[in-house]
Amino acid sequence: MRRYSQRQALTSLSEINITPLLDLAFVLLIIFMITTPLLENSSTLVIPSSGVNNPAVDPHQVQTVSIDRTQTIKLNNETLDADALTQRLSELRKTNADLAVIIRPDRELPVQSLVTLMDTLQRAGITKVGIATKTEGQ
């Protein structure tokens, strides 16, 4: 025998069960609440100062590369881009095999910019590289 009450089971539901949707929304909310502080937590590094005075360096034996917080690169107070700096240092290295370079970074310079500059010096074949710092009293 066939029951006539089963005919209603074949009809479409007029209401949507929102409980699984609310569960999904709460899970996503919790995930975003946990991961957002981790993404925004960036540590700003301050290039350390030295407590000891460095010995004086003869400016004729060493080239000075300065980079400021706007990532403007200067070789001995002459503004250059990264490619021109690589080319100029390669030429200087051909004339002086023991060429040394001192990098003078800005205190607010991102560390990645300093690493990029050091990669540029490595491409030019410079192996003697120093980073200039101020003494703490200055």
N, C-alpha and C. Protein backbone atom coordinates (compact mmCIF):
# COMPACT_ATOMS: atom_id res chain seq x y z
N MET A 1 0.81 -1.17 0.00
CA MET A 1 0.00 0.00 0.00
C MET A 1 0.87 1.24 0.00
N ARG A 2 0.31 2.23 -0.53
CA ARG A 2 1.01 3.50 -0.66
C ARG A 2 0.40 4.51 0.31
N ARG A 3 1.31 5.22 0.97
CA ARG A 3 0.83 6.24 1.90
C ARG A 3 0.73 7.57 1.16
N TYR A 4 -0.29 8.26 1.43
CA TYR A 4 -0.48 9.55 0.77
C TYR A 4 0.31 10.67 1.48
N SER A 5 0.80 10.41 2.67
CA SER A 5 1.56 11.43 3.39
C SER A 5 2.97 11.59 2.79
N GLN A 6 3.42 10.65 2.00
CA GLN A 6 4.74 10.75 1.41
C GLN A 6 4.79 11.69 0.23
N ARG A 7 3.65 12.10 -0.26
CA ARG A 7 3.65 13.04 -1.38
C ARG A 7 4.30 14.37 -0.99
N GLN A 8 4.16 14.77 0.25
CA GLN A 8 4.73 16.03 0.69
C GLN A 8 6.26 15.95 0.78
N ALA A 9 6.81 14.78 0.94
CA ALA A 9 8.26 14.62 1.01
C ALA A 9 8.90 14.89 -0.34
N LEU A 10 8.15 14.74 -1.41
CA LEU A 10 8.69 14.97 -2.74
C LEU A 10 8.66 16.44 -3.14
N THR A 11 7.99 17.26 -2.41
CA THR A 11 7.93 18.68 -2.74
C THR A 11 9.20 19.37 -2.29
N SER A 12 9.51 20.49 -2.89
CA SER A 12 10.74 21.22 -2.54
C SER A 12 10.58 21.92 -1.20
N LEU A 13 11.74 22.10 -0.53
CA LEU A 13 11.73 22.76 0.76
C LEU A 13 11.56 24.26 0.55
N SER A 14 10.73 24.86 1.33
CA SER A 14 10.53 26.30 1.21
C SER A 14 11.44 27.07 2.16
N GLU A 15 12.16 26.40 3.06
CA GLU A 15 13.07 27.05 3.99
C GLU A 15 14.47 26.47 3.82
N ILE A 16 15.46 27.32 3.98
CA ILE A 16 16.85 26.88 3.90
C ILE A 16 17.40 26.77 5.31
N ASN A 17 18.06 25.68 5.57
CA ASN A 17 18.67 25.49 6.88
C ASN A 17 19.96 26.31 6.92
N ILE A 18 20.01 27.34 7.76
CA ILE A 18 21.17 28.23 7.78
C ILE A 18 22.19 27.85 8.85
N THR A 19 21.96 26.82 9.58
CA THR A 19 22.90 26.42 10.62
C THR A 19 24.28 26.08 10.06
N PRO A 20 24.40 25.30 8.97
CA PRO A 20 25.74 25.06 8.42
C PRO A 20 26.41 26.34 7.90
N LEU A 21 25.62 27.26 7.37
CA LEU A 21 26.18 28.52 6.88
C LEU A 21 26.71 29.36 8.03
N LEU A 22 26.00 29.38 9.15
CA LEU A 22 26.48 30.11 10.32
C LEU A 22 27.75 29.48 10.88
N ASP A 23 27.80 28.15 10.91
CA ASP A 23 29.01 27.47 11.36
C ASP A 23 30.20 27.84 10.50
N LEU A 24 30.00 27.86 9.18
CA LEU A 24 31.07 28.23 8.26
C LEU A 24 31.49 29.67 8.47
N ALA A 25 30.53 30.56 8.67
CA ALA A 25 30.85 31.97 8.89
C ALA A 25 31.66 32.16 10.16
N PHE A 26 31.30 31.46 11.23
CA PHE A 26 32.04 31.59 12.48
C PHE A 26 33.45 31.00 12.36
N VAL A 27 33.59 29.91 11.66
CA VAL A 27 34.93 29.32 11.46
C VAL A 27 35.81 30.28 10.68
N LEU A 28 35.27 30.87 9.61
CA LEU A 28 36.05 31.84 8.83
C LEU A 28 36.39 33.07 9.66
N LEU A 29 35.48 33.53 10.48
CA LEU A 29 35.74 34.67 11.34
C LEU A 29 36.87 34.38 12.30
N ILE A 30 36.86 33.21 12.90
CA ILE A 30 37.93 32.83 13.83
C ILE A 30 39.27 32.74 13.10
N ILE A 31 39.27 32.16 11.91
CA ILE A 31 40.52 32.04 11.15
C ILE A 31 41.08 33.42 10.83
N PHE A 32 40.23 34.34 10.38
CA PHE A 32 40.71 35.68 10.06
C PHE A 32 41.16 36.43 11.31
N MET A 33 40.49 36.21 12.43
CA MET A 33 40.90 36.87 13.67
C MET A 33 42.27 36.39 14.14
N ILE A 34 42.59 35.15 13.88
CA ILE A 34 43.88 34.60 14.30
C ILE A 34 44.99 35.00 13.33
N THR A 35 44.72 34.94 12.03
CA THR A 35 45.80 35.17 11.06
C THR A 35 46.09 36.64 10.78
N THR A 36 45.14 37.54 10.95
CA THR A 36 45.37 38.94 10.64
C THR A 36 46.47 39.57 11.50
N PRO A 37 46.49 39.37 12.81
CA PRO A 37 47.61 39.95 13.57
C PRO A 37 48.96 39.37 13.16
N LEU A 38 49.01 38.14 12.73
CA LEU A 38 50.27 37.55 12.30
C LEU A 38 50.77 38.17 11.01
N LEU A 39 49.85 38.53 10.12
CA LEU A 39 50.26 39.14 8.86
C LEU A 39 50.72 40.58 9.04
N GLU A 40 50.13 41.28 10.00
CA GLU A 40 50.48 42.68 10.22
C GLU A 40 51.65 42.85 11.16
N ASN A 41 52.12 41.81 11.78
CA ASN A 41 53.21 41.91 12.74
C ASN A 41 54.53 41.94 12.00
N SER A 42 54.96 43.13 11.64
CA SER A 42 56.26 43.27 10.99
C SER A 42 57.18 44.00 11.94
N SER A 43 58.35 43.46 12.12
CA SER A 43 59.29 44.08 13.04
C SER A 43 60.17 45.07 12.27
N THR A 44 60.30 46.26 12.83
CA THR A 44 61.16 47.26 12.23
C THR A 44 62.52 47.15 12.90
N LEU A 45 63.54 46.98 12.09
CA LEU A 45 64.89 46.82 12.60
C LEU A 45 65.62 48.14 12.56
N VAL A 46 66.31 48.45 13.62
CA VAL A 46 67.15 49.63 13.66
C VAL A 46 68.58 49.15 13.55
N ILE A 47 69.29 49.71 12.58
CA ILE A 47 70.68 49.31 12.40
C ILE A 47 71.46 49.71 13.65
N PRO A 48 72.14 48.78 14.25
CA PRO A 48 72.75 49.06 15.55
C PRO A 48 73.91 50.04 15.45
N SER A 49 74.13 50.71 16.55
CA SER A 49 75.26 51.62 16.66
C SER A 49 76.40 50.89 17.34
N SER A 50 77.58 51.35 17.09
CA SER A 50 78.75 50.72 17.67
C SER A 50 79.21 51.55 18.86
N GLY A 51 79.64 50.89 19.91
CA GLY A 51 80.14 51.57 21.09
C GLY A 51 81.62 51.91 20.98
N VAL A 52 82.28 51.39 19.97
CA VAL A 52 83.72 51.59 19.80
C VAL A 52 83.95 52.44 18.57
N ASN A 53 84.86 53.40 18.69
CA ASN A 53 85.22 54.21 17.53
C ASN A 53 86.04 53.37 16.56
N ASN A 54 85.69 53.44 15.29
CA ASN A 54 86.43 52.71 14.28
C ASN A 54 87.68 53.50 13.88
N PRO A 55 88.76 52.80 13.51
CA PRO A 55 89.95 53.54 13.10
C PRO A 55 89.69 54.31 11.81
N ALA A 56 90.43 55.39 11.65
CA ALA A 56 90.26 56.22 10.46
C ALA A 56 90.71 55.46 9.22
N VAL A 57 89.98 55.69 8.14
CA VAL A 57 90.25 54.99 6.89
C VAL A 57 90.68 56.02 5.86
N ASP A 58 91.70 55.69 5.07
CA ASP A 58 92.15 56.59 4.02
C ASP A 58 91.08 56.63 2.93
N PRO A 59 90.49 57.81 2.64
CA PRO A 59 89.40 57.86 1.66
C PRO A 59 89.85 57.56 0.23
N HIS A 60 91.14 57.59 -0.04
CA HIS A 60 91.62 57.29 -1.39
C HIS A 60 91.68 55.79 -1.66
N GLN A 61 91.71 54.97 -0.61
CA GLN A 61 91.78 53.53 -0.78
C GLN A 61 90.40 52.87 -0.74
N VAL A 62 89.41 53.58 -0.24
CA VAL A 62 88.09 52.99 -0.03
C VAL A 62 87.03 53.82 -0.74
N GLN A 63 86.10 53.13 -1.38
CA GLN A 63 84.95 53.79 -2.00
C GLN A 63 83.79 53.76 -1.02
N THR A 64 83.02 54.84 -0.98
CA THR A 64 81.88 54.92 -0.07
C THR A 64 80.58 54.92 -0.87
N VAL A 65 79.71 53.98 -0.51
CA VAL A 65 78.39 53.90 -1.13
C VAL A 65 77.37 54.25 -0.07
N SER A 66 76.60 55.32 -0.33
CA SER A 66 75.57 55.76 0.60
C SER A 66 74.20 55.42 0.02
N ILE A 67 73.29 55.04 0.89
CA ILE A 67 71.91 54.78 0.47
C ILE A 67 70.99 55.35 1.54
N ASP A 68 70.03 56.19 1.09
CA ASP A 68 69.14 56.82 2.05
C ASP A 68 67.80 56.09 2.09
N ARG A 69 66.88 56.60 2.91
CA ARG A 69 65.61 55.91 3.10
C ARG A 69 64.73 55.90 1.86
N THR A 70 65.01 56.79 0.88
CA THR A 70 64.27 56.77 -0.39
C THR A 70 64.97 55.88 -1.41
N GLN A 71 66.00 55.14 -0.96
CA GLN A 71 66.77 54.18 -1.76
C GLN A 71 67.54 54.86 -2.89
N THR A 72 67.99 56.09 -2.66
CA THR A 72 68.87 56.79 -3.58
C THR A 72 70.29 56.35 -3.28
N ILE A 73 70.98 55.83 -4.28
CA ILE A 73 72.32 55.29 -4.11
C ILE A 73 73.33 56.34 -4.59
N LYS A 74 74.35 56.58 -3.76
CA LYS A 74 75.41 57.52 -4.13
C LYS A 74 76.75 56.84 -3.95
N LEU A 75 77.59 56.95 -4.96
CA LEU A 75 78.96 56.48 -4.88
C LEU A 75 79.84 57.71 -4.77
N ASN A 76 80.46 57.88 -3.62
CA ASN A 76 81.29 59.07 -3.36
C ASN A 76 80.53 60.35 -3.69
N ASN A 77 79.32 60.48 -3.20
CA ASN A 77 78.43 61.64 -3.38
C ASN A 77 77.98 61.86 -4.81
N GLU A 78 78.07 60.86 -5.67
CA GLU A 78 77.56 60.93 -7.04
C GLU A 78 76.38 59.97 -7.14
N THR A 79 75.22 60.49 -7.49
CA THR A 79 74.00 59.68 -7.54
C THR A 79 74.04 58.74 -8.74
N LEU A 80 73.80 57.44 -8.47
CA LEU A 80 73.81 56.41 -9.51
C LEU A 80 72.64 55.46 -9.28
N ASP A 81 72.26 54.74 -10.33
CA ASP A 81 71.30 53.65 -10.14
C ASP A 81 72.08 52.36 -9.94
N ALA A 82 71.39 51.26 -9.69
CA ALA A 82 72.06 50.00 -9.34
C ALA A 82 72.93 49.47 -10.49
N ASP A 83 72.44 49.58 -11.72
CA ASP A 83 73.23 49.08 -12.86
C ASP A 83 74.49 49.91 -13.08
N ALA A 84 74.35 51.23 -12.99
CA ALA A 84 75.52 52.11 -13.17
C ALA A 84 76.52 51.89 -12.04
N LEU A 85 76.02 51.63 -10.83
CA LEU A 85 76.90 51.36 -9.70
C LEU A 85 77.70 50.08 -9.93
N THR A 86 77.04 49.05 -10.42
CA THR A 86 77.72 47.78 -10.71
C THR A 86 78.81 47.99 -11.75
N GLN A 87 78.48 48.72 -12.80
CA GLN A 87 79.45 48.97 -13.86
C GLN A 87 80.63 49.80 -13.35
N ARG A 88 80.35 50.85 -12.59
CA ARG A 88 81.42 51.72 -12.08
C ARG A 88 82.33 50.97 -11.13
N LEU A 89 81.76 50.16 -10.23
CA LEU A 89 82.58 49.41 -9.29
C LEU A 89 83.39 48.32 -9.99
N SER A 90 82.85 47.75 -11.06
CA SER A 90 83.60 46.75 -11.83
C SER A 90 84.83 47.41 -12.47
N GLU A 91 84.65 48.62 -13.00
CA GLU A 91 85.77 49.35 -13.59
C GLU A 91 86.82 49.70 -12.54
N LEU A 92 86.36 50.15 -11.36
CA LEU A 92 87.30 50.49 -10.29
C LEU A 92 88.03 49.25 -9.78
N ARG A 93 87.35 48.12 -9.78
CA ARG A 93 87.98 46.88 -9.32
C ARG A 93 89.06 46.41 -10.30
N LYS A 94 88.87 46.70 -11.59
CA LYS A 94 89.90 46.33 -12.57
C LYS A 94 91.19 47.10 -12.34
N THR A 95 91.07 48.35 -11.90
CA THR A 95 92.27 49.14 -11.64
C THR A 95 92.86 48.85 -10.27
N ASN A 96 92.03 48.44 -9.31
CA ASN A 96 92.49 48.15 -7.96
C ASN A 96 91.85 46.84 -7.50
N ALA A 97 92.63 45.77 -7.49
CA ALA A 97 92.09 44.45 -7.15
C ALA A 97 91.66 44.36 -5.68
N ASP A 98 92.28 45.16 -4.81
CA ASP A 98 91.94 45.13 -3.38
C ASP A 98 90.96 46.23 -3.01
N LEU A 99 90.04 46.54 -3.91
CA LEU A 99 89.08 47.60 -3.67
C LEU A 99 88.16 47.24 -2.51
N ALA A 100 88.01 48.17 -1.60
CA ALA A 100 87.11 47.99 -0.46
C ALA A 100 86.00 49.03 -0.55
N VAL A 101 84.82 48.66 -0.09
CA VAL A 101 83.66 49.55 -0.14
C VAL A 101 83.05 49.63 1.24
N ILE A 102 82.73 50.85 1.63
CA ILE A 102 82.01 51.07 2.88
C ILE A 102 80.59 51.49 2.52
N ILE A 103 79.62 50.80 3.08
CA ILE A 103 78.21 51.14 2.86
C ILE A 103 77.76 52.01 4.03
N ARG A 104 77.16 53.15 3.70
CA ARG A 104 76.60 54.03 4.73
C ARG A 104 75.09 54.04 4.58
N PRO A 105 74.39 53.13 5.26
CA PRO A 105 72.92 53.08 5.13
C PRO A 105 72.25 54.08 6.05
N ASP A 106 71.08 54.51 5.64
CA ASP A 106 70.25 55.35 6.51
C ASP A 106 69.70 54.50 7.64
N ARG A 107 69.48 55.11 8.76
CA ARG A 107 68.98 54.38 9.93
C ARG A 107 67.59 53.81 9.68
N GLU A 108 66.78 54.48 8.86
CA GLU A 108 65.41 54.05 8.59
C GLU A 108 65.29 53.20 7.32
N LEU A 109 66.40 52.81 6.73
CA LEU A 109 66.40 52.04 5.49
C LEU A 109 65.89 50.62 5.75
N PRO A 110 64.97 50.12 4.91
CA PRO A 110 64.56 48.72 5.06
C PRO A 110 65.73 47.77 4.83
N VAL A 111 65.75 46.70 5.58
CA VAL A 111 66.87 45.76 5.51
C VAL A 111 66.98 45.14 4.12
N GLN A 112 65.85 44.91 3.46
CA GLN A 112 65.88 44.31 2.12
C GLN A 112 66.64 45.20 1.14
N SER A 113 66.52 46.51 1.28
CA SER A 113 67.25 47.42 0.40
C SER A 113 68.76 47.32 0.63
N LEU A 114 69.15 47.14 1.89
CA LEU A 114 70.57 46.96 2.19
C LEU A 114 71.09 45.65 1.61
N VAL A 115 70.31 44.60 1.70
CA VAL A 115 70.71 43.30 1.15
C VAL A 115 70.80 43.39 -0.38
N THR A 116 69.88 44.10 -1.00
CA THR A 116 69.92 44.28 -2.46
C THR A 116 71.18 45.02 -2.88
N LEU A 117 71.55 46.04 -2.11
CA LEU A 117 72.78 46.78 -2.41
C LEU A 117 74.00 45.88 -2.25
N MET A 118 74.00 45.04 -1.23
CA MET A 118 75.12 44.12 -1.04
C MET A 118 75.19 43.10 -2.18
N ASP A 119 74.05 42.68 -2.70
CA ASP A 119 74.04 41.80 -3.87
C ASP A 119 74.63 42.50 -5.08
N THR A 120 74.34 43.80 -5.23
CA THR A 120 74.91 44.58 -6.32
C THR A 120 76.43 44.63 -6.21
N LEU A 121 76.93 44.82 -5.00
CA LEU A 121 78.38 44.83 -4.80
C LEU A 121 78.99 43.47 -5.11
N GLN A 122 78.28 42.41 -4.77
CA GLN A 122 78.79 41.07 -5.07
C GLN A 122 78.85 40.82 -6.57
N ARG A 123 77.84 41.31 -7.31
CA ARG A 123 77.87 41.17 -8.77
C ARG A 123 79.03 41.94 -9.39
N ALA A 124 79.45 43.02 -8.74
CA ALA A 124 80.58 43.80 -9.24
C ALA A 124 81.91 43.16 -8.86
N GLY A 125 81.88 42.10 -8.06
CA GLY A 125 83.11 41.40 -7.68
C GLY A 125 83.78 41.97 -6.46
N ILE A 126 83.08 42.80 -5.69
CA ILE A 126 83.66 43.40 -4.49
C ILE A 126 83.51 42.40 -3.34
N THR A 127 84.64 42.06 -2.70
CA THR A 127 84.60 41.10 -1.60
C THR A 127 84.85 41.77 -0.26
N LYS A 128 85.46 42.95 -0.26
CA LYS A 128 85.74 43.66 0.99
C LYS A 128 84.68 44.73 1.18
N VAL A 129 83.71 44.45 2.05
CA VAL A 129 82.58 45.34 2.26
C VAL A 129 82.44 45.57 3.76
N GLY A 130 82.23 46.83 4.13
CA GLY A 130 81.97 47.19 5.52
C GLY A 130 80.73 48.06 5.59
N ILE A 131 80.12 48.07 6.77
CA ILE A 131 78.94 48.91 7.00
C ILE A 131 79.31 49.94 8.03
N ALA A 132 79.19 51.21 7.67
CA ALA A 132 79.55 52.30 8.58
C ALA A 132 78.44 52.52 9.59
N THR A 133 78.83 52.75 10.84
CA THR A 133 77.89 53.06 11.90
C THR A 133 78.38 54.28 12.65
N LYS A 134 77.49 54.88 13.42
CA LYS A 134 77.87 55.99 14.29
C LYS A 134 78.15 55.45 15.68
N THR A 135 78.92 56.18 16.43
CA THR A 135 79.09 55.80 17.83
C THR A 135 77.83 56.21 18.58
N GLU A 136 77.55 55.57 19.71
CA GLU A 136 76.31 55.81 20.42
C GLU A 136 76.18 57.22 20.95
N GLY A 137 77.28 57.89 21.21
CA GLY A 137 77.24 59.23 21.78
C GLY A 137 76.87 60.30 20.78
N GLN A 138 76.89 60.02 19.49
CA GLN A 138 76.65 61.05 18.47
C GLN A 138 75.21 61.15 18.11
